[in-house]
């Protein structure tokens, strides 16, 4: 499945423990159809101490979220909406552009 969300897009979570939260996309994992979103799906990794007397650590990081659980927040109308893809022709060049299905504005 092709993920239409890109890095630096603002997205809203549709389901799961972080349902309703919004955040910026930090990384896309296209092979797994997942995205890493800032402040969403927070996980902890416990690191054991290496030397005697040294303390262990608890590192916090954002885990990936399945792409179907994310919806883009349109920068123009500021509402979560589905994305459409259309081919626009500018200066004899055909390019694919994303657009908001609610307000019909081109995103990017």
C-alpha atoms as a PDB file:
ATOM      1  CA  UNK A   1       0.000   0.000   0.000  1.00  0.00           C
ATOM      2  CA  UNK A   2       1.290   3.431  -0.920  1.00  0.00           C
ATOM      3  CA  UNK A   3       1.520   5.976   1.922  1.00  0.00           C
ATOM      4  CA  UNK A   4       0.598   9.543   0.837  1.00  0.00           C
ATOM      5  CA  UNK A   5       1.985  11.244   3.940  1.00  0.00           C
ATOM      6  CA  UNK A   6       5.401  12.928   3.747  1.00  0.00           C
ATOM      7  CA  UNK A   7       7.988  14.128   6.271  1.00  0.00           C
ATOM      8  CA  UNK A   8       7.073  17.422   8.062  1.00  0.00           C
ATOM      9  CA  UNK A   9       3.329  16.908   7.438  1.00  0.00           C
ATOM     10  CA  UNK A  10       1.007  17.548  10.378  1.00  0.00           C
ATOM     11  CA  UNK A  11      -1.090  14.432  11.055  1.00  0.00           C
ATOM     12  CA  UNK A  12      -3.816  13.317  13.448  1.00  0.00           C
ATOM     13  CA  UNK A  13      -4.021   9.821  14.966  1.00  0.00           C
ATOM     14  CA  UNK A  14      -7.317   8.030  14.227  1.00  0.00           C
ATOM     15  CA  UNK A  15      -7.068   5.031  16.567  1.00  0.00           C
ATOM     16  CA  UNK A  16      -5.019   3.544  19.370  1.00  0.00           C
ATOM     17  CA  UNK A  17      -3.777   4.871  22.706  1.00  0.00           C
ATOM     18  CA  UNK A  18      -2.954   8.312  21.210  1.00  0.00           C
ATOM     19  CA  UNK A  19      -6.291   8.753  19.390  1.00  0.00           C
ATOM     20  CA  UNK A  20      -7.056  12.414  18.593  1.00  0.00           C
ATOM     21  CA  UNK A  21      -3.508  13.679  19.123  1.00  0.00           C
ATOM     22  CA  UNK A  22      -1.678  15.599  16.407  1.00  0.00           C
ATOM     23  CA  UNK A  23       2.018  15.792  15.605  1.00  0.00           C
ATOM     24  CA  UNK A  24       4.648  16.350  12.931  1.00  0.00           C
ATOM     25  CA  UNK A  25       5.925  13.400  10.880  1.00  0.00           C
ATOM     26  CA  UNK A  26       9.625  12.820  11.580  1.00  0.00           C
ATOM     27  CA  UNK A  27      10.301   9.725   9.466  1.00  0.00           C
ATOM     28  CA  UNK A  28       8.519   7.525   6.909  1.00  0.00           C
ATOM     29  CA  UNK A  29       9.059   3.756   6.706  1.00  0.00           C
ATOM     30  CA  UNK A  30       7.535   2.966   3.270  1.00  0.00           C
ATOM     31  CA  UNK A  31       8.365  -0.753   3.258  1.00  0.00           C
ATOM     32  CA  UNK A  32       6.436  -1.252   6.496  1.00  0.00           C
ATOM     33  CA  UNK A  33       3.731   1.348   5.662  1.00  0.00           C
ATOM     34  CA  UNK A  34       4.511   3.162   8.939  1.00  0.00           C
ATOM     35  CA  UNK A  35       5.470   6.656  10.043  1.00  0.00           C
ATOM     36  CA  UNK A  36       7.227   8.042  13.126  1.00  0.00           C
ATOM     37  CA  UNK A  37       5.299  11.006  14.549  1.00  0.00           C
ATOM     38  CA  UNK A  38       6.598  13.501  17.120  1.00  0.00           C
ATOM     39  CA  UNK A  39       5.061  12.886  20.563  1.00  0.00           C
ATOM     40  CA  UNK A  40       3.000   9.882  19.441  1.00  0.00           C
ATOM     41  CA  UNK A  41       3.479   6.224  20.496  1.00  0.00           C
ATOM     42  CA  UNK A  42       6.107   7.058  23.123  1.00  0.00           C
ATOM     43  CA  UNK A  43       8.200   4.040  24.112  1.00  0.00           C
ATOM     44  CA  UNK A  44      11.026   3.437  26.561  1.00  0.00           C
ATOM     45  CA  UNK A  45      14.203   1.426  26.124  1.00  0.00           C
ATOM     46  CA  UNK A  46      15.934   0.290  29.307  1.00  0.00           C
ATOM     47  CA  UNK A  47      19.742   0.252  29.064  1.00  0.00           C
ATOM     48  CA  UNK A  48      21.730  -1.792  31.541  1.00  0.00           C
ATOM     49  CA  UNK A  49      24.804  -0.275  33.192  1.00  0.00           C
ATOM     50  CA  UNK A  50      28.117  -1.275  31.580  1.00  0.00           C
ATOM     51  CA  UNK A  51      30.561  -0.562  34.419  1.00  0.00           C
ATOM     52  CA  UNK A  52      30.277  -1.168  38.123  1.00  0.00           C
ATOM     53  CA  UNK A  53      28.886   1.850  39.947  1.00  0.00           C
ATOM     54  CA  UNK A  54      27.394   3.332  36.763  1.00  0.00           C
ATOM     55  CA  UNK A  55      23.622   3.816  36.668  1.00  0.00           C
ATOM     56  CA  UNK A  56      21.335   2.278  34.084  1.00  0.00           C
ATOM     57  CA  UNK A  57      19.259   4.509  31.813  1.00  0.00           C
ATOM     58  CA  UNK A  58      15.726   4.713  30.516  1.00  0.00           C
ATOM     59  CA  UNK A  59      15.720   6.240  27.008  1.00  0.00           C
ATOM     60  CA  UNK A  60      12.454   7.636  25.630  1.00  0.00           C
ATOM     61  CA  UNK A  61      11.703   7.504  21.874  1.00  0.00           C
ATOM     62  CA  UNK A  62       8.766   7.656  19.455  1.00  0.00           C
ATOM     63  CA  UNK A  63       7.735   4.340  17.917  1.00  0.00           C
ATOM     64  CA  UNK A  64       6.291   3.948  14.415  1.00  0.00           C
ATOM     65  CA  UNK A  65       2.532   4.165  13.770  1.00  0.00           C
ATOM     66  CA  UNK A  66       0.709   2.317  10.971  1.00  0.00           C
ATOM     67  CA  UNK A  67      -0.058   4.684   8.073  1.00  0.00           C
ATOM     68  CA  UNK A  68      -3.758   3.778   7.941  1.00  0.00           C
ATOM     69  CA  UNK A  69      -4.167   5.139  11.496  1.00  0.00           C
ATOM     70  CA  UNK A  70      -2.961   8.612  10.428  1.00  0.00           C
ATOM     71  CA  UNK A  71      -4.847  11.383   8.669  1.00  0.00           C
ATOM     72  CA  UNK A  72      -3.262  14.527   7.279  1.00  0.00           C
ATOM     73  CA  UNK A  73      -4.309  17.856   8.806  1.00  0.00           C
ATOM     74  CA  UNK A  74      -4.755  20.268   5.891  1.00  0.00           C
ATOM     75  CA  UNK A  75      -2.571  23.390   6.313  1.00  0.00           C
ATOM     76  CA  UNK A  76      -5.181  25.570   4.543  1.00  0.00           C
ATOM     77  CA  UNK A  77      -8.454  24.603   6.301  1.00  0.00           C
ATOM     78  CA  UNK A  78      -6.713  23.207   9.449  1.00  0.00           C
ATOM     79  CA  UNK A  79      -8.970  20.117   9.520  1.00  0.00           C
ATOM     80  CA  UNK A  80      -8.082  16.430   9.197  1.00  0.00           C
ATOM     81  CA  UNK A  81      -8.988  15.340   5.686  1.00  0.00           C
ATOM     82  CA  UNK A  82      -8.361  12.648   3.129  1.00  0.00           C
ATOM     83  CA  UNK A  83      -5.791  13.197   0.405  1.00  0.00           C
ATOM     84  CA  UNK A  84      -6.292  13.035  -3.319  1.00  0.00           C
ATOM     85  CA  UNK A  85      -3.624  12.865  -5.998  1.00  0.00           C
ATOM     86  CA  UNK A  86      -4.025  14.552  -9.360  1.00  0.00           C
ATOM     87  CA  UNK A  87      -1.709  15.247 -12.269  1.00  0.00           C
ATOM     88  CA  UNK A  88      -1.089  18.928 -12.888  1.00  0.00           C
ATOM     89  CA  UNK A  89       0.544  20.294 -16.006  1.00  0.00           C
ATOM     90  CA  UNK A  90       2.858  23.273 -15.554  1.00  0.00           C
ATOM     91  CA  UNK A  91       5.281  24.470 -18.248  1.00  0.00           C
ATOM     92  CA  UNK A  92       4.745  21.278 -20.301  1.00  0.00           C
ATOM     93  CA  UNK A  93       5.708  19.157 -17.268  1.00  0.00           C
ATOM     94  CA  UNK A  94       3.309  16.656 -15.772  1.00  0.00           C
ATOM     95  CA  UNK A  95       3.676  16.303 -12.008  1.00  0.00           C
ATOM     96  CA  UNK A  96       1.629  14.542  -9.332  1.00  0.00           C
ATOM     97  CA  UNK A  97       0.300  16.854  -6.633  1.00  0.00           C
ATOM     98  CA  UNK A  98      -1.596  16.109  -3.427  1.00  0.00           C
ATOM     99  CA  UNK A  99      -4.798  17.963  -2.638  1.00  0.00           C
ATOM    100  CA  UNK A 100      -7.234  18.196   0.272  1.00  0.00           C
ATOM    101  CA  UNK A 101     -10.564  16.475  -0.419  1.00  0.00           C
ATOM    102  CA  UNK A 102     -12.444  18.994   1.782  1.00  0.00           C
ATOM    103  CA  UNK A 103     -11.238  22.376   0.526  1.00  0.00           C
ATOM    104  CA  UNK A 104      -9.759  21.184  -2.846  1.00  0.00           C
ATOM    105  CA  UNK A 105      -6.520  23.146  -2.170  1.00  0.00           C
ATOM    106  CA  UNK A 106      -3.178  21.809  -3.401  1.00  0.00           C
ATOM    107  CA  UNK A 107      -0.808  20.765  -0.598  1.00  0.00           C
ATOM    108  CA  UNK A 108       2.971  21.416  -0.921  1.00  0.00           C
END
